[in-house]
Amino acid sequence: MAEIMLELRSVSKTFNPGTVNEKKAIDRVSLNVRRGDFITIIGGNGAGKSTLINAITGVFQIDEGEIILDGADITGLPEHKRAKHFGRVFQDPMLGTAPNMAIEENLALAYRRGKRHSLRWGITSRERAFYREQLRQLELGLEERMTQKVGLLSGGQRQALTLLMATLIRPDVLLLDEHTAALDPKTAEKVLKITEELVRKDNLTTLMVTHNMKNAIEYGNRLIMMNDGRIILDIDGEEKKKLTVEMLLEKFSRVSGSEFTSDRALLS
């Protein structure tokens, strides 16, 4: 049996408790993520997808439950102490990079994260050669533009760079929070292909939140569907390979007792 990399035990989170705006965003969620799993997470607006990612990374403390990473209890750890364990790419291509710094300087920040800093900032020729080789695998020509400021890149180029930065030092878990949602379809497809290649190359344990049902089915070895803060479907292996959008909608209706109503997911 595959080793468990990440475990959530009855995790709950309520925002604005005791007020008219009270919202139970995660409701007793339990989940075992095996080492090397590539899990896609889908659900309607307010299903709890992004809240789940924020709970894992410590953006806020959960109300109850436990979060176990590679056998260690990280439930009480603040966000900055968890950061070294996770690579994260956000929906907004403007996040995750420093726009006024060069491509190679952004890569150096990611590469040196968590390492002891010296008084010398300069990028060595050995580092530069390493960054060029890493950029080449993106097939975007960025290895020839390493001194260019990141703010001048397109959204797709920037998101691909952020992906590379998130995996430059192998994370325990890679977390992708709708990381192609802000991109046009053609660019999104390119970034997803890069994602798949990076994940496969290093067998990265990955959670990918997406609003796109086709992408949720096409990518990864396992699919989770959330509704009202709970995991209502967990589809793995051969069953996932045979899955279609129609089958997924039928399963959702049967388990939840309602129709799937996210136009954003259905129209993607």
C-alpha atoms as a PDB file:
ATOM      1  CA  MET A   1       0.000   0.000   0.000  1.00  0.00           C
ATOM      2  CA  ALA A   2       1.295   3.463  -0.923  1.00  0.00           C
ATOM      3  CA  GLU A   3       2.683   5.643   1.844  1.00  0.00           C
ATOM      4  CA  ILE A   4       0.438   8.444   3.101  1.00  0.00           C
ATOM      5  CA  MET A   5       2.009  11.881   2.509  1.00  0.00           C
ATOM      6  CA  LEU A   6      -0.834  14.102   3.740  1.00  0.00           C
ATOM      7  CA  GLU A   7      -3.715  13.231   6.047  1.00  0.00           C
ATOM      8  CA  LEU A   8      -6.695  15.334   7.074  1.00  0.00           C
ATOM      9  CA  ARG A   9      -8.645  14.028  10.050  1.00  0.00           C
ATOM     10  CA  SER A  10     -12.160  15.442  10.560  1.00  0.00           C
ATOM     11  CA  VAL A  11     -11.080  18.979   9.647  1.00  0.00           C
ATOM     12  CA  SER A  12     -13.679  21.746  10.071  1.00  0.00           C
ATOM     13  CA  LYS A  13     -13.650  25.511   9.590  1.00  0.00           C
ATOM     14  CA  THR A  14     -16.474  28.009  10.143  1.00  0.00           C
ATOM     15  CA  PHE A  15     -16.142  31.661   9.195  1.00  0.00           C
ATOM     16  CA  ASN A  16     -17.989  34.420  11.133  1.00  0.00           C
ATOM     17  CA  PRO A  17     -19.406  31.991  13.725  1.00  0.00           C
ATOM     18  CA  GLY A  18     -22.446  33.198  15.668  1.00  0.00           C
ATOM     19  CA  THR A  19     -23.283  35.928  13.152  1.00  0.00           C
ATOM     20  CA  VAL A  20     -25.779  36.218  10.311  1.00  0.00           C
ATOM     21  CA  ASN A  21     -22.834  35.661   7.948  1.00  0.00           C
ATOM     22  CA  GLU A  22     -21.840  32.339   9.525  1.00  0.00           C
ATOM     23  CA  LYS A  23     -20.486  29.939   6.903  1.00  0.00           C
ATOM     24  CA  LYS A  24     -19.331  26.365   7.524  1.00  0.00           C
ATOM     25  CA  ALA A  25     -16.685  26.255   4.798  1.00  0.00           C
ATOM     26  CA  ILE A  26     -15.231  22.825   5.659  1.00  0.00           C
ATOM     27  CA  ASP A  27     -17.332  20.255   7.467  1.00  0.00           C
ATOM     28  CA  ARG A  28     -15.512  17.294   9.080  1.00  0.00           C
ATOM     29  CA  VAL A  29     -13.345  16.575   6.029  1.00  0.00           C
ATOM     30  CA  SER A  30     -11.122  13.491   6.213  1.00  0.00           C
ATOM     31  CA  LEU A  31      -8.705  12.698   3.403  1.00  0.00           C
ATOM     32  CA  ASN A  32      -5.654  10.478   2.874  1.00  0.00           C
ATOM     33  CA  VAL A  33      -3.291  11.660   0.132  1.00  0.00           C
ATOM     34  CA  ARG A  34      -0.807   8.995  -0.924  1.00  0.00           C
ATOM     35  CA  ARG A  35       2.752   9.852  -1.887  1.00  0.00           C
ATOM     36  CA  GLY A  36       2.723  10.511  -5.635  1.00  0.00           C
ATOM     37  CA  ASP A  37      -1.045  11.082  -5.878  1.00  0.00           C
ATOM     38  CA  PHE A  38      -2.146  13.720  -8.420  1.00  0.00           C
ATOM     39  CA  ILE A  39      -5.611  14.649  -7.163  1.00  0.00           C
ATOM     40  CA  THR A  40      -7.957  17.016  -8.967  1.00  0.00           C
ATOM     41  CA  ILE A  41     -10.557  18.763  -6.783  1.00  0.00           C
ATOM     42  CA  ILE A  42     -13.789  20.077  -8.261  1.00  0.00           C
ATOM     43  CA  GLY A  43     -17.049  21.508  -6.930  1.00  0.00           C
ATOM     44  CA  GLY A  44     -19.398  24.452  -7.293  1.00  0.00           C
ATOM     45  CA  ASN A  45     -18.812  27.931  -5.895  1.00  0.00           C
ATOM     46  CA  GLY A  46     -18.616  27.799  -2.110  1.00  0.00           C
ATOM     47  CA  ALA A  47     -18.002  24.037  -2.068  1.00  0.00           C
ATOM     48  CA  GLY A  48     -14.877  24.488   0.063  1.00  0.00           C
ATOM     49  CA  LYS A  49     -12.146  23.773  -2.500  1.00  0.00           C
ATOM     50  CA  SER A  50      -9.898  26.799  -1.942  1.00  0.00           C
ATOM     51  CA  THR A  51     -10.682  26.824   1.789  1.00  0.00           C
ATOM     52  CA  LEU A  52      -9.308  23.290   1.954  1.00  0.00           C
ATOM     53  CA  ILE A  53      -6.031  24.429   0.341  1.00  0.00           C
ATOM     54  CA  ASN A  54      -5.813  27.397   2.732  1.00  0.00           C
ATOM     55  CA  ALA A  55      -6.379  25.095   5.704  1.00  0.00           C
ATOM     56  CA  ILE A  56      -3.558  22.810   4.569  1.00  0.00           C
ATOM     57  CA  THR A  57      -1.112  25.702   4.117  1.00  0.00           C
ATOM     58  CA  GLY A  58      -2.077  27.384   7.404  1.00  0.00           C
ATOM     59  CA  VAL A  59      -3.564  30.589   5.988  1.00  0.00           C
ATOM     60  CA  PHE A  60      -5.923  30.238   8.960  1.00  0.00           C
ATOM     61  CA  GLN A  61      -6.158  27.848  11.886  1.00  0.00           C
ATOM     62  CA  ILE A  62      -8.854  25.189  11.644  1.00  0.00           C
ATOM     63  CA  ASP A  63     -11.589  24.941  14.302  1.00  0.00           C
ATOM     64  CA  GLU A  64     -11.211  21.221  14.836  1.00  0.00           C
ATOM     65  CA  GLY A  65      -9.438  18.199  13.416  1.00  0.00           C
ATOM     66  CA  GLU A  66      -5.835  17.385  12.595  1.00  0.00           C
ATOM     67  CA  ILE A  67      -3.520  17.865   9.624  1.00  0.00           C
ATOM     68  CA  ILE A  68      -0.675  15.349   9.356  1.00  0.00           C
ATOM     69  CA  LEU A  69       2.152  15.839   6.843  1.00  0.00           C
ATOM     70  CA  ASP A  70       4.541  12.944   6.238  1.00  0.00           C
ATOM     71  CA  GLY A  71       3.788  11.601   9.719  1.00  0.00           C
ATOM     72  CA  ALA A  72       4.208  14.943  11.542  1.00  0.00           C
ATOM     73  CA  ASP A  73       1.291  16.855  13.084  1.00  0.00           C
ATOM     74  CA  ILE A  74       1.326  20.380  11.564  1.00  0.00           C
ATOM     75  CA  THR A  75      -2.138  21.399  12.798  1.00  0.00           C
ATOM     76  CA  GLY A  76      -0.856  24.149  15.073  1.00  0.00           C
ATOM     77  CA  LEU A  77       2.010  25.371  12.872  1.00  0.00           C
ATOM     78  CA  PRO A  78       1.682  28.935  11.504  1.00  0.00           C
ATOM     79  CA  GLU A  79       1.728  29.494   7.755  1.00  0.00           C
ATOM     80  CA  HIS A  80       5.361  30.643   7.518  1.00  0.00           C
ATOM     81  CA  LYS A  81       6.597  27.473   9.213  1.00  0.00           C
ATOM     82  CA  ARG A  82       4.638  25.282   6.805  1.00  0.00           C
ATOM     83  CA  ALA A  83       5.782  27.160   3.700  1.00  0.00           C
ATOM     84  CA  LYS A  84       8.947  25.090   3.143  1.00  0.00           C
ATOM     85  CA  HIS A  85       6.834  21.938   2.746  1.00  0.00           C
ATOM     86  CA  PHE A  86       4.462  23.249   0.074  1.00  0.00           C
ATOM     87  CA  GLY A  87       4.765  24.580  -3.444  1.00  0.00           C
ATOM     88  CA  ARG A  88       1.756  26.717  -4.295  1.00  0.00           C
ATOM     89  CA  VAL A  89       0.467  28.363  -7.468  1.00  0.00           C
ATOM     90  CA  PHE A  90      -2.472  30.752  -7.241  1.00  0.00           C
ATOM     91  CA  GLN A  91      -5.209  31.654  -9.733  1.00  0.00           C
ATOM     92  CA  ASP A  92      -3.813  35.161 -10.283  1.00  0.00           C
ATOM     93  CA  PRO A  93      -0.641  35.077 -12.454  1.00  0.00           C
ATOM     94  CA  MET A  94       0.466  38.283 -10.683  1.00  0.00           C
ATOM     95  CA  LEU A  95       0.902  36.402  -7.414  1.00  0.00           C
ATOM     96  CA  GLY A  96       3.886  34.191  -6.668  1.00  0.00           C
ATOM     97  CA  THR A  97       6.501  36.285  -8.497  1.00  0.00           C
ATOM     98  CA  ALA A  98       8.264  39.610  -7.971  1.00  0.00           C
ATOM     99  CA  PRO A  99       7.383  41.659 -11.105  1.00  0.00           C
ATOM    100  CA  ASN A 100      10.202  44.189 -10.760  1.00  0.00           C
ATOM    101  CA  MET A 101      12.879  41.506 -10.540  1.00  0.00           C
ATOM    102  CA  ALA A 102      14.409  39.568 -13.420  1.00  0.00           C
ATOM    103  CA  ILE A 103      13.412  36.005 -14.276  1.00  0.00           C
ATOM    104  CA  GLU A 104      16.735  34.683 -12.959  1.00  0.00           C
ATOM    105  CA  GLU A 105      16.365  36.679  -9.730  1.00  0.00           C
ATOM    106  CA  ASN A 106      12.895  35.207  -9.139  1.00  0.00           C
ATOM    107  CA  LEU A 107      14.295  31.730  -9.687  1.00  0.00           C
ATOM    108  CA  ALA A 108      17.135  32.487  -7.259  1.00  0.00           C
ATOM    109  CA  LEU A 109      14.614  33.516  -4.591  1.00  0.00           C
ATOM    110  CA  ALA A 110      12.770  30.224  -5.031  1.00  0.00           C
ATOM    111  CA  TYR A 111      15.974  28.155  -5.171  1.00  0.00           C
ATOM    112  CA  ARG A 112      17.412  29.707  -2.010  1.00  0.00           C
ATOM    113  CA  ARG A 113      14.191  29.562  -0.013  1.00  0.00           C
ATOM    114  CA  GLY A 114      14.858  28.098   3.415  1.00  0.00           C
ATOM    115  CA  LYS A 115      18.626  28.097   2.892  1.00  0.00           C
ATOM    116  CA  ARG A 116      21.131  30.037   4.974  1.00  0.00           C
ATOM    117  CA  HIS A 117      21.707  33.450   3.399  1.00  0.00           C
ATOM    118  CA  SER A 118      25.114  35.028   2.973  1.00  0.00           C
ATOM    119  CA  LEU A 119      25.859  38.703   2.401  1.00  0.00           C
ATOM    120  CA  ARG A 120      26.421  37.977  -1.289  1.00  0.00           C
ATOM    121  CA  TRP A 121      23.328  38.124  -3.479  1.00  0.00           C
ATOM    122  CA  GLY A 122      24.995  37.625  -6.849  1.00  0.00           C
ATOM    123  CA  ILE A 123      23.870  34.692  -8.983  1.00  0.00           C
ATOM    124  CA  THR A 124      26.755  32.337  -9.727  1.00  0.00           C
ATOM    125  CA  SER A 125      27.481  31.019 -13.214  1.00  0.00           C
ATOM    126  CA  ARG A 126      26.626  27.525 -11.991  1.00  0.00           C
ATOM    127  CA  GLU A 127      23.225  28.720 -10.733  1.00  0.00           C
ATOM    128  CA  ARG A 128      22.584  30.579 -13.976  1.00  0.00           C
ATOM    129  CA  ALA A 129      23.309  27.446 -16.024  1.00  0.00           C
ATOM    130  CA  PHE A 130      20.930  25.470 -13.801  1.00  0.00           C
ATOM    131  CA  TYR A 131      18.148  28.040 -14.186  1.00  0.00           C
ATOM    132  CA  ARG A 132      18.612  28.118 -17.961  1.00  0.00           C
ATOM    133  CA  GLU A 133      18.283  24.332 -18.121  1.00  0.00           C
ATOM    134  CA  GLN A 134      15.132  24.401 -15.973  1.00  0.00           C
ATOM    135  CA  LEU A 135      13.556  27.145 -18.086  1.00  0.00           C
ATOM    136  CA  ARG A 136      14.325  25.256 -21.297  1.00  0.00           C
ATOM    137  CA  GLN A 137      11.937  22.465 -20.318  1.00  0.00           C
ATOM    138  CA  LEU A 138       9.031  24.960 -20.378  1.00  0.00           C
ATOM    139  CA  GLU A 139       9.596  25.421 -24.129  1.00  0.00           C
ATOM    140  CA  LEU A 140       8.639  29.104 -23.923  1.00  0.00           C
ATOM    141  CA  GLY A 141      12.013  30.601 -24.835  1.00  0.00           C
ATOM    142  CA  LEU A 142      12.415  32.132 -21.369  1.00  0.00           C
ATOM    143  CA  GLU A 143      15.945  30.726 -21.077  1.00  0.00           C
ATOM    144  CA  GLU A 144      16.974  33.408 -23.569  1.00  0.00           C
ATOM    145  CA  ARG A 145      15.324  36.201 -21.536  1.00  0.00           C
ATOM    146  CA  MET A 146      16.622  35.522 -18.040  1.00  0.00           C
ATOM    147  CA  THR A 147      17.518  39.140 -17.296  1.00  0.00           C
ATOM    148  CA  GLN A 148      14.088  40.435 -18.364  1.00  0.00           C
ATOM    149  CA  LYS A 149      11.722  41.669 -15.642  1.00  0.00           C
ATOM    150  CA  VAL A 150       8.933  39.218 -14.845  1.00  0.00           C
ATOM    151  CA  GLY A 151       6.335  42.009 -15.019  1.00  0.00           C
ATOM    152  CA  LEU A 152       6.848  42.105 -18.805  1.00  0.00           C
ATOM    153  CA  LEU A 153       5.802  38.472 -19.282  1.00  0.00           C
ATOM    154  CA  SER A 154       2.370  37.355 -20.441  1.00  0.00           C
ATOM    155  CA  GLY A 155      -0.004  35.726 -17.961  1.00  0.00           C
ATOM    156  CA  GLY A 156       0.746  32.256 -19.308  1.00  0.00           C
ATOM    157  CA  GLN A 157       4.520  32.751 -19.254  1.00  0.00           C
ATOM    158  CA  ARG A 158       4.298  34.081 -15.734  1.00  0.00           C
ATOM    159  CA  GLN A 159       2.153  31.186 -14.528  1.00  0.00           C
ATOM    160  CA  ALA A 160       4.555  28.676 -16.104  1.00  0.00           C
ATOM    161  CA  LEU A 161       7.444  30.430 -14.332  1.00  0.00           C
ATOM    162  CA  THR A 162       5.540  30.336 -11.028  1.00  0.00           C
ATOM    163  CA  LEU A 163       5.021  26.594 -11.512  1.00  0.00           C
ATOM    164  CA  LEU A 164       8.726  26.122 -12.061  1.00  0.00           C
ATOM    165  CA  MET A 165       9.538  28.208  -8.970  1.00  0.00           C
ATOM    166  CA  ALA A 166       7.092  26.162  -6.879  1.00  0.00           C
ATOM    167  CA  THR A 167       8.834  22.922  -7.860  1.00  0.00           C
ATOM    168  CA  LEU A 168      12.476  24.081  -8.136  1.00  0.00           C
ATOM    169  CA  ILE A 169      13.092  22.750  -4.636  1.00  0.00           C
ATOM    170  CA  ARG A 170      10.959  19.617  -4.545  1.00  0.00           C
ATOM    171  CA  PRO A 171       7.978  20.314  -2.261  1.00  0.00           C
ATOM    172  CA  ASP A 172       6.349  17.651  -0.095  1.00  0.00           C
ATOM    173  CA  VAL A 173       3.044  18.647  -1.710  1.00  0.00           C
ATOM    174  CA  LEU A 174       2.304  20.861  -4.738  1.00  0.00           C
ATOM    175  CA  LEU A 175      -0.927  22.864  -4.386  1.00  0.00           C
ATOM    176  CA  LEU A 176      -2.521  24.373  -7.483  1.00  0.00           C
ATOM    177  CA  ASP A 177      -5.493  26.630  -6.745  1.00  0.00           C
ATOM    178  CA  GLU A 178      -7.337  27.136 -10.070  1.00  0.00           C
ATOM    179  CA  HIS A 179      -3.969  28.093 -11.542  1.00  0.00           C
ATOM    180  CA  THR A 180      -5.252  28.239 -15.140  1.00  0.00           C
ATOM    181  CA  ALA A 181      -8.622  29.915 -14.480  1.00  0.00           C
ATOM    182  CA  ALA A 182      -7.422  33.416 -15.410  1.00  0.00           C
ATOM    183  CA  LEU A 183      -5.823  32.285 -18.690  1.00  0.00           C
ATOM    184  CA  ASP A 184      -7.351  32.002 -22.155  1.00  0.00           C
ATOM    185  CA  PRO A 185      -8.170  28.390 -23.192  1.00  0.00           C
ATOM    186  CA  LYS A 186      -5.121  27.864 -25.420  1.00  0.00           C
ATOM    187  CA  THR A 187      -2.698  29.245 -22.827  1.00  0.00           C
ATOM    188  CA  ALA A 188      -4.443  27.298 -20.055  1.00  0.00           C
ATOM    189  CA  GLU A 189      -3.954  24.078 -22.022  1.00  0.00           C
ATOM    190  CA  LYS A 190      -0.231  24.828 -22.438  1.00  0.00           C
ATOM    191  CA  VAL A 191       0.198  25.519 -18.708  1.00  0.00           C
ATOM    192  CA  LEU A 192      -1.681  22.295 -17.846  1.00  0.00           C
ATOM    193  CA  LYS A 193       0.632  20.289 -20.098  1.00  0.00           C
ATOM    194  CA  ILE A 194       3.646  21.862 -18.380  1.00  0.00           C
ATOM    195  CA  THR A 195       2.036  21.051 -15.033  1.00  0.00           C
ATOM    196  CA  GLU A 196       1.586  17.403 -15.993  1.00  0.00           C
ATOM    197  CA  GLU A 197       5.186  17.122 -17.191  1.00  0.00           C
ATOM    198  CA  LEU A 198       6.642  18.666 -14.015  1.00  0.00           C
ATOM    199  CA  VAL A 199       4.452  16.489 -11.778  1.00  0.00           C
ATOM    200  CA  ARG A 200       5.315  13.323 -13.686  1.00  0.00           C
ATOM    201  CA  LYS A 201       9.053  14.084 -13.880  1.00  0.00           C
ATOM    202  CA  ASP A 202       9.472  14.253 -10.098  1.00  0.00           C
ATOM    203  CA  ASN A 203       6.432  12.136  -9.118  1.00  0.00           C
ATOM    204  CA  LEU A 204       5.134  15.109  -7.116  1.00  0.00           C
ATOM    205  CA  THR A 205       2.266  14.664  -4.679  1.00  0.00           C
ATOM    206  CA  THR A 206      -0.207  17.198  -6.074  1.00  0.00           C
ATOM    207  CA  LEU A 207      -3.629  18.677  -5.298  1.00  0.00           C
ATOM    208  CA  MET A 208      -5.127  20.664  -8.182  1.00  0.00           C
ATOM    209  CA  VAL A 209      -8.295  22.686  -7.624  1.00  0.00           C
ATOM    210  CA  THR A 210     -10.107  23.319 -10.890  1.00  0.00           C
ATOM    211  CA  HIS A 211     -13.494  24.603 -12.043  1.00  0.00           C
ATOM    212  CA  ASN A 212     -13.168  22.693 -15.317  1.00  0.00           C
ATOM    213  CA  MET A 213     -14.806  19.238 -15.268  1.00  0.00           C
ATOM    214  CA  LYS A 214     -12.970  18.046 -18.380  1.00  0.00           C
ATOM    215  CA  ASN A 215      -9.608  18.990 -16.878  1.00  0.00           C
ATOM    216  CA  ALA A 216     -10.537  17.361 -13.565  1.00  0.00           C
ATOM    217  CA  ILE A 217     -11.230  14.123 -15.437  1.00  0.00           C
ATOM    218  CA  GLU A 218      -8.304  14.300 -17.884  1.00  0.00           C
ATOM    219  CA  TYR A 219      -5.525  15.057 -15.403  1.00  0.00           C
ATOM    220  CA  GLY A 220      -4.307  13.140 -12.388  1.00  0.00           C
ATOM    221  CA  ASN A 221      -4.956   9.651 -11.056  1.00  0.00           C
ATOM    222  CA  ARG A 222      -7.703  10.607  -8.607  1.00  0.00           C
ATOM    223  CA  LEU A 223     -10.677  13.005  -8.543  1.00  0.00           C
ATOM    224  CA  ILE A 224     -12.407  14.504  -5.523  1.00  0.00           C
ATOM    225  CA  MET A 225     -15.702  16.379  -5.696  1.00  0.00           C
ATOM    226  CA  MET A 226     -16.745  18.723  -2.897  1.00  0.00           C
ATOM    227  CA  ASN A 227     -20.164  20.087  -1.989  1.00  0.00           C
ATOM    228  CA  ASP A 228     -21.170  22.235   1.013  1.00  0.00           C
ATOM    229  CA  GLY A 229     -17.763  21.836   2.638  1.00  0.00           C
ATOM    230  CA  ARG A 230     -17.675  18.050   2.371  1.00  0.00           C
ATOM    231  CA  ILE A 231     -16.019  15.512   0.090  1.00  0.00           C
ATOM    232  CA  ILE A 232     -18.918  13.677  -1.552  1.00  0.00           C
ATOM    233  CA  LEU A 233     -17.022  11.772  -4.263  1.00  0.00           C
ATOM    234  CA  ASP A 234     -13.517  10.253  -4.324  1.00  0.00           C
ATOM    235  CA  ILE A 235     -12.879   8.502  -7.651  1.00  0.00           C
ATOM    236  CA  ASP A 236      -9.626   6.656  -8.219  1.00  0.00           C
ATOM    237  CA  GLY A 237      -7.717   4.431 -10.628  1.00  0.00           C
ATOM    238  CA  GLU A 238      -9.602   2.595 -13.386  1.00  0.00           C
ATOM    239  CA  GLU A 239     -12.929   4.155 -12.416  1.00  0.00           C
ATOM    240  CA  LYS A 240     -11.485   7.624 -13.026  1.00  0.00           C
ATOM    241  CA  LYS A 241      -9.981   6.610 -16.370  1.00  0.00           C
ATOM    242  CA  LYS A 242     -13.445   5.624 -17.633  1.00  0.00           C
ATOM    243  CA  LEU A 243     -15.146   8.736 -16.251  1.00  0.00           C
ATOM    244  CA  THR A 244     -17.009  11.224 -18.470  1.00  0.00           C
ATOM    245  CA  VAL A 245     -18.578  14.598 -17.622  1.00  0.00           C
ATOM    246  CA  GLU A 246     -22.031  13.040 -17.943  1.00  0.00           C
ATOM    247  CA  MET A 247     -21.106  10.216 -15.555  1.00  0.00           C
ATOM    248  CA  LEU A 248     -19.646  12.687 -13.070  1.00  0.00           C
ATOM    249  CA  LEU A 249     -22.806  14.834 -13.140  1.00  0.00           C
ATOM    250  CA  GLU A 250     -24.952  11.740 -12.611  1.00  0.00           C
ATOM    251  CA  LYS A 251     -22.803  10.637  -9.665  1.00  0.00           C
ATOM    252  CA  PHE A 252     -23.019  14.124  -8.141  1.00  0.00           C
ATOM    253  CA  SER A 253     -26.813  14.169  -8.415  1.00  0.00           C
ATOM    254  CA  ARG A 254     -27.133  10.700  -6.904  1.00  0.00           C
ATOM    255  CA  VAL A 255     -24.841  11.416  -3.927  1.00  0.00           C
ATOM    256  CA  SER A 256     -25.912  15.009  -3.192  1.00  0.00           C
ATOM    257  CA  GLY A 257     -29.590  14.713  -4.078  1.00  0.00           C
ATOM    258  CA  SER A 258     -29.398  17.852  -6.230  1.00  0.00           C
ATOM    259  CA  GLU A 259     -28.284  19.060  -9.649  1.00  0.00           C
ATOM    260  CA  PHE A 260     -24.765  20.411 -10.174  1.00  0.00           C
ATOM    261  CA  THR A 261     -25.346  24.129 -10.740  1.00  0.00           C
ATOM    262  CA  SER A 262     -21.927  25.663 -11.459  1.00  0.00           C
ATOM    263  CA  ASP A 263     -22.270  27.202 -14.946  1.00  0.00           C
ATOM    264  CA  ARG A 264     -18.567  28.008 -14.822  1.00  0.00           C
ATOM    265  CA  ALA A 265     -17.676  24.328 -14.530  1.00  0.00           C
ATOM    266  CA  LEU A 266     -20.255  23.122 -17.046  1.00  0.00           C
ATOM    267  CA  LEU A 267     -19.392  25.677 -19.732  1.00  0.00           C
ATOM    268  CA  SER A 268     -15.608  25.225 -19.512  1.00  0.00           C
END
